[in-house]
Amino acid sequence: RRERLLDAGIALIGAPDGSVANVRAVC
């Protein structure tokens, strides 16, 4: 689960538009 969250964080924080990586979006 932790790995899935971190992978999601990389995708969101590293999105081309600098997407918001709030808790809800990450989950």
PDB file of all heavy atoms in Angstrom:
ATOM      1  N   ARG A   1       0.835  -1.206   0.000  1.00  0.00           N
ATOM      2  CA  ARG A   1       0.000   0.000   0.000  1.00  0.00           C
ATOM      3  C   ARG A   1       0.873   1.261   0.000  1.00  0.00           C
ATOM      4  O   ARG A   1       0.616   2.210  -0.744  1.00  0.00           O
ATOM      5  CB  ARG A   1      -0.944   0.007   1.208  1.00  0.00           C
ATOM      6  CG  ARG A   1      -2.091  -0.965   1.090  1.00  0.00           C
ATOM      7  CD  ARG A   1      -3.136  -0.733   2.157  1.00  0.00           C
ATOM      8  NE  ARG A   1      -2.660  -0.973   3.506  1.00  0.00           N
ATOM      9  CZ  ARG A   1      -2.846  -2.108   4.186  1.00  0.00           C
ATOM     10  NH1 ARG A   1      -3.492  -3.126   3.629  1.00  0.00           N
ATOM     11  NH2 ARG A   1      -2.404  -2.222   5.421  1.00  0.00           N
ATOM     12  N   ARG A   2       1.913   1.246   0.817  1.00  0.00           N
ATOM     13  CA  ARG A   2       2.827   2.395   0.893  1.00  0.00           C
ATOM     14  C   ARG A   2       3.485   2.625  -0.471  1.00  0.00           C
ATOM     15  O   ARG A   2       3.593   3.762  -0.936  1.00  0.00           O
ATOM     16  CB  ARG A   2       3.873   2.133   1.975  1.00  0.00           C
ATOM     17  CG  ARG A   2       4.892   3.218   2.140  1.00  0.00           C
ATOM     18  CD  ARG A   2       5.894   2.822   3.246  1.00  0.00           C
ATOM     19  NE  ARG A   2       7.002   3.709   3.316  1.00  0.00           N
ATOM     20  CZ  ARG A   2       7.016   4.901   3.862  1.00  0.00           C
ATOM     21  NH1 ARG A   2       5.918   5.378   4.406  1.00  0.00           N
ATOM     22  NH2 ARG A   2       8.104   5.639   3.875  1.00  0.00           N
ATOM     23  N   GLU A   3       3.900   1.555  -1.112  1.00  0.00           N
ATOM     24  CA  GLU A   3       4.528   1.652  -2.427  1.00  0.00           C
ATOM     25  C   GLU A   3       3.547   2.230  -3.452  1.00  0.00           C
ATOM     26  O   GLU A   3       3.921   3.059  -4.277  1.00  0.00           O
ATOM     27  CB  GLU A   3       5.011   0.262  -2.855  1.00  0.00           C
ATOM     28  CG  GLU A   3       5.950   0.270  -4.017  1.00  0.00           C
ATOM     29  CD  GLU A   3       6.533  -1.105  -4.245  1.00  0.00           C
ATOM     30  OE1 GLU A   3       7.402  -1.530  -3.465  1.00  0.00           O
ATOM     31  OE2 GLU A   3       6.093  -1.765  -5.211  1.00  0.00           O
ATOM     32  N   ARG A   4       2.303   1.792  -3.411  1.00  0.00           N
ATOM     33  CA  ARG A   4       1.291   2.321  -4.330  1.00  0.00           C
ATOM     34  C   ARG A   4       1.075   3.816  -4.105  1.00  0.00           C
ATOM     35  O   ARG A   4       0.929   4.584  -5.060  1.00  0.00           O
ATOM     36  CB  ARG A   4      -0.026   1.566  -4.170  1.00  0.00           C
ATOM     37  CG  ARG A   4       0.022   0.186  -4.815  1.00  0.00           C
ATOM     38  CD  ARG A   4      -1.192  -0.646  -4.535  1.00  0.00           C
ATOM     39  NE  ARG A   4      -2.452  -0.028  -4.899  1.00  0.00           N
ATOM     40  CZ  ARG A   4      -3.633  -0.527  -4.579  1.00  0.00           C
ATOM     41  NH1 ARG A   4      -3.715  -1.658  -3.893  1.00  0.00           N
ATOM     42  NH2 ARG A   4      -4.731   0.086  -4.940  1.00  0.00           N
ATOM     43  N   LEU A   5       1.053   4.228  -2.852  1.00  0.00           N
ATOM     44  CA  LEU A   5       0.892   5.641  -2.540  1.00  0.00           C
ATOM     45  C   LEU A   5       2.087   6.457  -3.048  1.00  0.00           C
ATOM     46  O   LEU A   5       1.914   7.523  -3.629  1.00  0.00           O
ATOM     47  CB  LEU A   5       0.708   5.838  -1.031  1.00  0.00           C
ATOM     48  CG  LEU A   5      -0.630   5.361  -0.469  1.00  0.00           C
ATOM     49  CD1 LEU A   5      -0.555   5.203   1.044  1.00  0.00           C
ATOM     50  CD2 LEU A   5      -1.758   6.315  -0.869  1.00  0.00           C
ATOM     51  N   LEU A   6       3.296   5.948  -2.839  1.00  0.00           N
ATOM     52  CA  LEU A   6       4.493   6.651  -3.310  1.00  0.00           C
ATOM     53  C   LEU A   6       4.516   6.749  -4.828  1.00  0.00           C
ATOM     54  O   LEU A   6       4.853   7.800  -5.387  1.00  0.00           O
ATOM     55  CB  LEU A   6       5.750   5.972  -2.779  1.00  0.00           C
ATOM     56  CG  LEU A   6       5.994   6.134  -1.274  1.00  0.00           C
ATOM     57  CD1 LEU A   6       7.104   5.209  -0.806  1.00  0.00           C
ATOM     58  CD2 LEU A   6       6.306   7.580  -0.919  1.00  0.00           C
ATOM     59  N   ASP A   7       4.141   5.672  -5.507  1.00  0.00           N
ATOM     60  CA  ASP A   7       4.073   5.700  -6.972  1.00  0.00           C
ATOM     61  C   ASP A   7       3.051   6.736  -7.447  1.00  0.00           C
ATOM     62  O   ASP A   7       3.308   7.478  -8.405  1.00  0.00           O
ATOM     63  CB  ASP A   7       3.725   4.321  -7.529  1.00  0.00           C
ATOM     64  CG  ASP A   7       4.877   3.333  -7.428  1.00  0.00           C
ATOM     65  OD1 ASP A   7       6.038   3.758  -7.218  1.00  0.00           O
ATOM     66  OD2 ASP A   7       4.617   2.116  -7.555  1.00  0.00           O
ATOM     67  N   ALA A   8       1.911   6.788  -6.771  1.00  0.00           N
ATOM     68  CA  ALA A   8       0.893   7.784  -7.112  1.00  0.00           C
ATOM     69  C   ALA A   8       1.439   9.190  -6.862  1.00  0.00           C
ATOM     70  O   ALA A   8       1.192  10.110  -7.651  1.00  0.00           O
ATOM     71  CB  ALA A   8      -0.380   7.548  -6.298  1.00  0.00           C
ATOM     72  N   GLY A   9       2.194   9.349  -5.798  1.00  0.00           N
ATOM     73  CA  GLY A   9       2.792  10.649  -5.488  1.00  0.00           C
ATOM     74  C   GLY A   9       3.777  11.089  -6.553  1.00  0.00           C
ATOM     75  O   GLY A   9       3.796  12.270  -6.943  1.00  0.00           O
ATOM     76  N   ILE A  10       4.590  10.166  -7.034  1.00  0.00           N
ATOM     77  CA  ILE A  10       5.530  10.505  -8.111  1.00  0.00           C
ATOM     78  C   ILE A  10       4.762  10.982  -9.338  1.00  0.00           C
ATOM     79  O   ILE A  10       5.103  11.995  -9.942  1.00  0.00           O
ATOM     80  CB  ILE A  10       6.436   9.308  -8.449  1.00  0.00           C
ATOM     81  CG1 ILE A  10       7.400   9.028  -7.293  1.00  0.00           C
ATOM     82  CG2 ILE A  10       7.210   9.558  -9.745  1.00  0.00           C
ATOM     83  CD1 ILE A  10       8.161   7.715  -7.409  1.00  0.00           C
ATOM     84  N   ALA A  11       3.708  10.257  -9.692  1.00  0.00           N
ATOM     85  CA  ALA A  11       2.918  10.631 -10.875  1.00  0.00           C
ATOM     86  C   ALA A  11       2.241  11.987 -10.698  1.00  0.00           C
ATOM     87  O   ALA A  11       2.237  12.807 -11.630  1.00  0.00           O
ATOM     88  CB  ALA A  11       1.878   9.550 -11.163  1.00  0.00           C
ATOM     89  N   LEU A  12       1.694  12.256  -9.520  1.00  0.00           N
ATOM     90  CA  LEU A  12       0.967  13.518  -9.312  1.00  0.00           C
ATOM     91  C   LEU A  12       1.908  14.701  -9.115  1.00  0.00           C
ATOM     92  O   LEU A  12       1.728  15.758  -9.733  1.00  0.00           O
ATOM     93  CB  LEU A  12       0.031  13.395  -8.104  1.00  0.00           C
ATOM     94  CG  LEU A  12      -1.175  12.492  -8.307  1.00  0.00           C
ATOM     95  CD1 LEU A  12      -1.915  12.299  -6.993  1.00  0.00           C
ATOM     96  CD2 LEU A  12      -2.104  13.081  -9.359  1.00  0.00           C
ATOM     97  N   ILE A  13       2.909  14.549  -8.269  1.00  0.00           N
ATOM     98  CA  ILE A  13       3.849  15.645  -8.027  1.00  0.00           C
ATOM     99  C   ILE A  13       4.671  15.913  -9.278  1.00  0.00           C
ATOM    100  O   ILE A  13       5.032  17.048  -9.572  1.00  0.00           O
ATOM    101  CB  ILE A  13       4.753  15.338  -6.818  1.00  0.00           C
ATOM    102  CG1 ILE A  13       3.903  15.218  -5.548  1.00  0.00           C
ATOM    103  CG2 ILE A  13       5.834  16.401  -6.643  1.00  0.00           C
ATOM    104  CD1 ILE A  13       4.635  14.593  -4.371  1.00  0.00           C
ATOM    105  N   GLY A  14       4.930  14.866 -10.047  1.00  0.00           N
ATOM    106  CA  GLY A  14       5.713  14.990 -11.267  1.00  0.00           C
ATOM    107  C   GLY A  14       4.892  15.179 -12.520  1.00  0.00           C
ATOM    108  O   GLY A  14       5.411  15.044 -13.628  1.00  0.00           O
ATOM    109  N   ALA A  15       3.621  15.492 -12.378  1.00  0.00           N
ATOM    110  CA  ALA A  15       2.770  15.732 -13.554  1.00  0.00           C
ATOM    111  C   ALA A  15       3.253  16.978 -14.289  1.00  0.00           C
ATOM    112  O   ALA A  15       3.754  17.915 -13.666  1.00  0.00           O
ATOM    113  CB  ALA A  15       1.314  15.896 -13.126  1.00  0.00           C
ATOM    114  N   PRO A  16       3.108  16.999 -15.613  1.00  0.00           N
ATOM    115  CA  PRO A  16       3.587  18.153 -16.391  1.00  0.00           C
ATOM    116  C   PRO A  16       3.012  19.487 -15.924  1.00  0.00           C
ATOM    117  O   PRO A  16       3.678  20.502 -15.958  1.00  0.00           O
ATOM    118  CB  PRO A  16       3.135  17.849 -17.817  1.00  0.00           C
ATOM    119  CG  PRO A  16       2.914  16.388 -17.855  1.00  0.00           C
ATOM    120  CD  PRO A  16       2.521  15.975 -16.462  1.00  0.00           C
ATOM    121  N   ASP A  17       1.767  19.482 -15.470  1.00  0.00           N
ATOM    122  CA  ASP A  17       1.126  20.726 -15.048  1.00  0.00           C
ATOM    123  C   ASP A  17       1.294  20.994 -13.555  1.00  0.00           C
ATOM    124  O   ASP A  17       0.723  21.944 -13.031  1.00  0.00           O
ATOM    125  CB  ASP A  17      -0.358  20.703 -15.402  1.00  0.00           C
ATOM    126  CG  ASP A  17      -1.110  19.560 -14.720  1.00  0.00           C
ATOM    127  OD1 ASP A  17      -0.474  18.744 -14.020  1.00  0.00           O
ATOM    128  OD2 ASP A  17      -2.337  19.481 -14.905  1.00  0.00           O
ATOM    129  N   GLY A  18       2.087  20.158 -12.882  1.00  0.00           N
ATOM    130  CA  GLY A  18       2.292  20.349 -11.450  1.00  0.00           C
ATOM    131  C   GLY A  18       1.015  20.117 -10.666  1.00  0.00           C
ATOM    132  O   GLY A  18       0.671  20.879  -9.778  1.00  0.00           O
ATOM    133  N   SER A  19       0.333  19.045 -10.993  1.00  0.00           N
ATOM    134  CA  SER A  19      -0.947  18.734 -10.360  1.00  0.00           C
ATOM    135  C   SER A  19      -0.865  18.795  -8.842  1.00  0.00           C
ATOM    136  O   SER A  19       0.168  18.551  -8.247  1.00  0.00           O
ATOM    137  CB  SER A  19      -1.405  17.331 -10.756  1.00  0.00           C
ATOM    138  OG  SER A  19      -1.706  17.275 -12.106  1.00  0.00           O
ATOM    139  N   VAL A  20      -2.003  19.100  -8.268  1.00  0.00           N
ATOM    140  CA  VAL A  20      -2.091  19.140  -6.814  1.00  0.00           C
ATOM    141  C   VAL A  20      -2.063  17.711  -6.285  1.00  0.00           C
ATOM    142  O   VAL A  20      -2.819  16.855  -6.729  1.00  0.00           O
ATOM    143  CB  VAL A  20      -3.395  19.847  -6.379  1.00  0.00           C
ATOM    144  CG1 VAL A  20      -3.543  19.812  -4.873  1.00  0.00           C
ATOM    145  CG2 VAL A  20      -3.417  21.269  -6.894  1.00  0.00           C
ATOM    146  N   ALA A  21      -1.168  17.475  -5.371  1.00  0.00           N
ATOM    147  CA  ALA A  21      -1.049  16.134  -4.780  1.00  0.00           C
ATOM    148  C   ALA A  21      -1.599  16.178  -3.365  1.00  0.00           C
ATOM    149  O   ALA A  21      -0.879  15.965  -2.397  1.00  0.00           O
ATOM    150  CB  ALA A  21       0.410  15.681  -4.792  1.00  0.00           C
ATOM    151  N   ASN A  22      -2.905  16.463  -3.257  1.00  0.00           N
ATOM    152  CA  ASN A  22      -3.488  16.426  -1.916  1.00  0.00           C
ATOM    153  C   ASN A  22      -3.785  14.978  -1.537  1.00  0.00           C
ATOM    154  O   ASN A  22      -3.704  14.076  -2.375  1.00  0.00           O
ATOM    155  CB  ASN A  22      -4.732  17.326  -1.828  1.00  0.00           C
ATOM    156  CG  ASN A  22      -5.822  16.905  -2.788  1.00  0.00           C
ATOM    157  OD1 ASN A  22      -6.080  15.719  -2.988  1.00  0.00           O
ATOM    158  ND2 ASN A  22      -6.466  17.895  -3.404  1.00  0.00           N
ATOM    159  N   VAL A  23      -4.095  14.753  -0.293  1.00  0.00           N
ATOM    160  CA  VAL A  23      -4.287  13.389   0.213  1.00  0.00           C
ATOM    161  C   VAL A  23      -5.368  12.661  -0.569  1.00  0.00           C
ATOM    162  O   VAL A  23      -5.192  11.508  -0.970  1.00  0.00           O
ATOM    163  CB  VAL A  23      -4.605  13.406   1.727  1.00  0.00           C
ATOM    164  CG1 VAL A  23      -4.977  12.009   2.226  1.00  0.00           C
ATOM    165  CG2 VAL A  23      -3.432  13.969   2.515  1.00  0.00           C
ATOM    166  N   ARG A  24      -6.457  13.332  -0.821  1.00  0.00           N
ATOM    167  CA  ARG A  24      -7.565  12.696  -1.540  1.00  0.00           C
ATOM    168  C   ARG A  24      -7.144  12.281  -2.951  1.00  0.00           C
ATOM    169  O   ARG A  24      -7.442  11.176  -3.406  1.00  0.00           O
ATOM    170  CB  ARG A  24      -8.759  13.645  -1.605  1.00  0.00           C
ATOM    171  CG  ARG A  24      -9.983  12.999  -2.244  1.00  0.00           C
ATOM    172  CD  ARG A  24     -11.202  13.847  -2.074  1.00  0.00           C
ATOM    173  NE  ARG A  24     -11.529  13.830  -0.655  1.00  0.00           N
ATOM    174  CZ  ARG A  24     -12.299  14.725  -0.050  1.00  0.00           C
ATOM    175  NH1 ARG A  24     -12.812  15.720  -0.722  1.00  0.00           N
ATOM    176  NH2 ARG A  24     -12.554  14.636   1.224  1.00  0.00           N
ATOM    177  N   ALA A  25      -6.440  13.148  -3.660  1.00  0.00           N
ATOM    178  CA  ALA A  25      -5.999  12.833  -5.029  1.00  0.00           C
ATOM    179  C   ALA A  25      -5.013  11.672  -5.034  1.00  0.00           C
ATOM    180  O   ALA A  25      -5.082  10.793  -5.893  1.00  0.00           O
ATOM    181  CB  ALA A  25      -5.372  14.064  -5.674  1.00  0.00           C
ATOM    182  N   VAL A  26      -4.115  11.661  -4.080  1.00  0.00           N
ATOM    183  CA  VAL A  26      -3.133  10.570  -3.984  1.00  0.00           C
ATOM    184  C   VAL A  26      -3.848   9.252  -3.716  1.00  0.00           C
ATOM    185  O   VAL A  26      -3.562   8.230  -4.360  1.00  0.00           O
ATOM    186  CB  VAL A  26      -2.084  10.863  -2.884  1.00  0.00           C
ATOM    187  CG1 VAL A  26      -1.221   9.641  -2.610  1.00  0.00           C
ATOM    188  CG2 VAL A  26      -1.225  12.052  -3.278  1.00  0.00           C
ATOM    189  N   CYS A  27      -4.781   9.268  -2.791  1.00  0.00           N
ATOM    190  CA  CYS A  27      -5.518   8.037  -2.459  1.00  0.00           C
ATOM    191  C   CYS A  27      -6.343   7.560  -3.652  1.00  0.00           C
ATOM    192  O   CYS A  27      -6.400   6.359  -3.928  1.00  0.00           O
ATOM    193  CB  CYS A  27      -6.415   8.268  -1.246  1.00  0.00           C
ATOM    194  SG  CYS A  27      -5.479   8.501   0.274  1.00  0.00           S
TER     195      CYS A  27
END
